[in-house]
């Protein structure tokens, strides 16, 4: 089965696909999947793990691709879930400060720039 067919198959089965070049841990995959389902992500929303030097996550403008740097979320599972919720909201057309769910969310960092795990999943 070629890669294109595999991705289409995953989208048909699960409603979304993980990037084939991912480095998400199994726990992170489950957190992301649960967050996508909980937030009614669209059928073609994909989450891609990549090295991001100036951010922690972002959503492609006008698109359904969420980019996350999984290494930065290694010790922050609740923050990962909340960040995915925020990014899913972007895929639904919402913007920062518009009053939409999770649009005022921000990641908290310690004095060394490491992500602090949120107390709860919003």
C-alpha atoms as a PDB file:
ATOM      1  CA  UNK A   1       0.000   0.000   0.000  1.00  0.00           C
ATOM      2  CA  UNK A   2       1.515   3.335  -0.952  1.00  0.00           C
ATOM      3  CA  UNK A   3       1.699   6.260   1.492  1.00  0.00           C
ATOM      4  CA  UNK A   4      -1.116   8.245  -0.124  1.00  0.00           C
ATOM      5  CA  UNK A   5      -3.511   5.288   0.142  1.00  0.00           C
ATOM      6  CA  UNK A   6      -2.464   4.689   3.741  1.00  0.00           C
ATOM      7  CA  UNK A   7      -3.206   8.291   4.723  1.00  0.00           C
ATOM      8  CA  UNK A   8      -6.588   8.186   2.983  1.00  0.00           C
ATOM      9  CA  UNK A   9      -7.339   4.894   4.742  1.00  0.00           C
ATOM     10  CA  UNK A  10      -6.442   6.391   8.158  1.00  0.00           C
ATOM     11  CA  UNK A  11      -8.641   9.406   7.485  1.00  0.00           C
ATOM     12  CA  UNK A  12     -11.542   7.137   6.508  1.00  0.00           C
ATOM     13  CA  UNK A  13     -11.138   4.957   9.627  1.00  0.00           C
ATOM     14  CA  UNK A  14     -10.277   7.543  12.269  1.00  0.00           C
ATOM     15  CA  UNK A  15     -11.417  10.820  10.709  1.00  0.00           C
ATOM     16  CA  UNK A  16      -7.874  12.194  10.757  1.00  0.00           C
ATOM     17  CA  UNK A  17      -4.320  11.020  10.194  1.00  0.00           C
ATOM     18  CA  UNK A  18      -1.027  11.422  11.987  1.00  0.00           C
ATOM     19  CA  UNK A  19       1.912  12.475   9.876  1.00  0.00           C
ATOM     20  CA  UNK A  20       3.920   9.436   8.726  1.00  0.00           C
ATOM     21  CA  UNK A  21       7.145  11.261   9.682  1.00  0.00           C
ATOM     22  CA  UNK A  22       6.077  11.656  13.272  1.00  0.00           C
ATOM     23  CA  UNK A  23       8.001  11.300  16.482  1.00  0.00           C
ATOM     24  CA  UNK A  24       5.059  11.508  18.887  1.00  0.00           C
ATOM     25  CA  UNK A  25       5.237   9.107  21.797  1.00  0.00           C
ATOM     26  CA  UNK A  26       2.376   6.605  22.154  1.00  0.00           C
ATOM     27  CA  UNK A  27       1.022   8.647  25.074  1.00  0.00           C
ATOM     28  CA  UNK A  28       1.152  11.852  23.021  1.00  0.00           C
ATOM     29  CA  UNK A  29      -0.683  10.124  20.159  1.00  0.00           C
ATOM     30  CA  UNK A  30      -3.498   9.155  22.526  1.00  0.00           C
ATOM     31  CA  UNK A  31      -3.686  12.651  24.008  1.00  0.00           C
ATOM     32  CA  UNK A  32      -3.824  14.222  20.547  1.00  0.00           C
ATOM     33  CA  UNK A  33      -6.441  11.753  19.321  1.00  0.00           C
ATOM     34  CA  UNK A  34      -8.652  12.343  22.372  1.00  0.00           C
ATOM     35  CA  UNK A  35      -8.314  16.101  22.002  1.00  0.00           C
ATOM     36  CA  UNK A  36      -9.185  16.006  18.288  1.00  0.00           C
ATOM     37  CA  UNK A  37     -12.284  13.927  19.009  1.00  0.00           C
ATOM     38  CA  UNK A  38     -13.328  16.007  22.040  1.00  0.00           C
ATOM     39  CA  UNK A  39     -13.076  19.220  20.011  1.00  0.00           C
ATOM     40  CA  UNK A  40     -14.854  17.895  16.890  1.00  0.00           C
ATOM     41  CA  UNK A  41     -11.882  18.368  14.612  1.00  0.00           C
ATOM     42  CA  UNK A  42     -12.776  18.194  10.949  1.00  0.00           C
ATOM     43  CA  UNK A  43     -12.333  15.049   8.901  1.00  0.00           C
ATOM     44  CA  UNK A  44      -9.102  16.195   7.310  1.00  0.00           C
ATOM     45  CA  UNK A  45      -7.302  17.774  10.280  1.00  0.00           C
ATOM     46  CA  UNK A  46      -3.773  16.425  10.521  1.00  0.00           C
ATOM     47  CA  UNK A  47      -1.263  16.848  13.327  1.00  0.00           C
ATOM     48  CA  UNK A  48       2.350  16.978  12.238  1.00  0.00           C
ATOM     49  CA  UNK A  49       5.356  16.712  14.527  1.00  0.00           C
ATOM     50  CA  UNK A  50       8.201  18.978  13.511  1.00  0.00           C
ATOM     51  CA  UNK A  51      11.017  21.056  14.918  1.00  0.00           C
ATOM     52  CA  UNK A  52       9.737  24.561  15.602  1.00  0.00           C
ATOM     53  CA  UNK A  53      12.340  27.045  16.774  1.00  0.00           C
ATOM     54  CA  UNK A  54      10.266  30.119  17.563  1.00  0.00           C
ATOM     55  CA  UNK A  55       6.914  28.633  18.658  1.00  0.00           C
ATOM     56  CA  UNK A  56       5.458  25.532  20.298  1.00  0.00           C
ATOM     57  CA  UNK A  57       2.590  24.877  17.918  1.00  0.00           C
ATOM     58  CA  UNK A  58       0.711  26.569  15.119  1.00  0.00           C
ATOM     59  CA  UNK A  59      -1.972  25.939  12.531  1.00  0.00           C
ATOM     60  CA  UNK A  60      -1.449  26.566   8.856  1.00  0.00           C
ATOM     61  CA  UNK A  61      -3.343  29.720   7.889  1.00  0.00           C
ATOM     62  CA  UNK A  62      -6.673  28.728   6.363  1.00  0.00           C
ATOM     63  CA  UNK A  63      -5.822  25.066   6.588  1.00  0.00           C
ATOM     64  CA  UNK A  64      -6.269  21.905   8.554  1.00  0.00           C
ATOM     65  CA  UNK A  65      -2.662  21.153   9.386  1.00  0.00           C
ATOM     66  CA  UNK A  66      -1.554  21.550  12.985  1.00  0.00           C
ATOM     67  CA  UNK A  67       2.180  21.615  13.604  1.00  0.00           C
ATOM     68  CA  UNK A  68       3.543  20.665  17.043  1.00  0.00           C
ATOM     69  CA  UNK A  69       7.033  20.253  18.430  1.00  0.00           C
ATOM     70  CA  UNK A  70       6.482  17.073  20.455  1.00  0.00           C
ATOM     71  CA  UNK A  71       9.792  17.255  22.294  1.00  0.00           C
ATOM     72  CA  UNK A  72       8.737  20.503  23.956  1.00  0.00           C
ATOM     73  CA  UNK A  73       5.567  18.820  25.322  1.00  0.00           C
ATOM     74  CA  UNK A  74       7.358  15.695  26.601  1.00  0.00           C
ATOM     75  CA  UNK A  75       6.641  16.421  30.288  1.00  0.00           C
ATOM     76  CA  UNK A  76       3.400  18.376  29.823  1.00  0.00           C
ATOM     77  CA  UNK A  77       0.517  16.108  28.748  1.00  0.00           C
ATOM     78  CA  UNK A  78      -2.264  18.436  29.938  1.00  0.00           C
ATOM     79  CA  UNK A  79      -0.648  21.366  28.162  1.00  0.00           C
ATOM     80  CA  UNK A  80      -0.397  19.258  25.001  1.00  0.00           C
ATOM     81  CA  UNK A  81      -4.134  18.492  25.153  1.00  0.00           C
ATOM     82  CA  UNK A  82      -5.003  22.149  25.748  1.00  0.00           C
ATOM     83  CA  UNK A  83      -2.691  23.296  22.960  1.00  0.00           C
ATOM     84  CA  UNK A  84      -4.299  20.865  20.508  1.00  0.00           C
ATOM     85  CA  UNK A  85      -7.727  22.181  21.563  1.00  0.00           C
ATOM     86  CA  UNK A  86      -6.529  25.728  20.867  1.00  0.00           C
ATOM     87  CA  UNK A  87      -5.113  24.756  17.471  1.00  0.00           C
ATOM     88  CA  UNK A  88      -8.267  22.818  16.509  1.00  0.00           C
ATOM     89  CA  UNK A  89     -10.212  25.990  17.223  1.00  0.00           C
ATOM     90  CA  UNK A  90      -8.009  27.725  14.625  1.00  0.00           C
ATOM     91  CA  UNK A  91      -8.904  25.047  12.056  1.00  0.00           C
ATOM     92  CA  UNK A  92     -12.539  25.948  12.715  1.00  0.00           C
ATOM     93  CA  UNK A  93     -11.870  29.573  11.735  1.00  0.00           C
ATOM     94  CA  UNK A  94     -11.445  31.109  15.178  1.00  0.00           C
ATOM     95  CA  UNK A  95      -8.775  33.699  15.949  1.00  0.00           C
ATOM     96  CA  UNK A  96      -7.020  34.962  19.073  1.00  0.00           C
ATOM     97  CA  UNK A  97      -9.159  37.259  21.186  1.00  0.00           C
ATOM     98  CA  UNK A  98     -12.437  36.648  19.336  1.00  0.00           C
ATOM     99  CA  UNK A  99     -14.105  35.120  22.408  1.00  0.00           C
ATOM    100  CA  UNK A 100     -14.192  31.616  20.937  1.00  0.00           C
ATOM    101  CA  UNK A 101     -13.447  28.557  23.042  1.00  0.00           C
ATOM    102  CA  UNK A 102      -9.745  28.235  23.895  1.00  0.00           C
ATOM    103  CA  UNK A 103      -8.718  31.330  21.907  1.00  0.00           C
ATOM    104  CA  UNK A 104      -7.378  33.094  25.014  1.00  0.00           C
ATOM    105  CA  UNK A 105      -5.336  30.032  26.013  1.00  0.00           C
ATOM    106  CA  UNK A 106      -1.571  30.345  26.326  1.00  0.00           C
ATOM    107  CA  UNK A 107       1.229  28.053  27.420  1.00  0.00           C
ATOM    108  CA  UNK A 108       2.978  28.816  30.717  1.00  0.00           C
ATOM    109  CA  UNK A 109       6.769  28.560  30.852  1.00  0.00           C
ATOM    110  CA  UNK A 110       9.210  28.308  33.748  1.00  0.00           C
ATOM    111  CA  UNK A 111      12.236  30.596  34.113  1.00  0.00           C
ATOM    112  CA  UNK A 112      14.221  28.334  31.761  1.00  0.00           C
ATOM    113  CA  UNK A 113      11.636  28.413  28.965  1.00  0.00           C
ATOM    114  CA  UNK A 114      10.370  24.881  29.633  1.00  0.00           C
ATOM    115  CA  UNK A 115       6.617  24.254  29.391  1.00  0.00           C
ATOM    116  CA  UNK A 116       4.844  23.944  32.741  1.00  0.00           C
ATOM    117  CA  UNK A 117       2.169  21.244  32.684  1.00  0.00           C
ATOM    118  CA  UNK A 118      -1.337  22.696  33.069  1.00  0.00           C
ATOM    119  CA  UNK A 119      -3.236  21.700  36.216  1.00  0.00           C
ATOM    120  CA  UNK A 120      -6.166  20.409  34.150  1.00  0.00           C
ATOM    121  CA  UNK A 121      -7.430  19.836  30.643  1.00  0.00           C
ATOM    122  CA  UNK A 122      -9.834  22.593  29.647  1.00  0.00           C
END
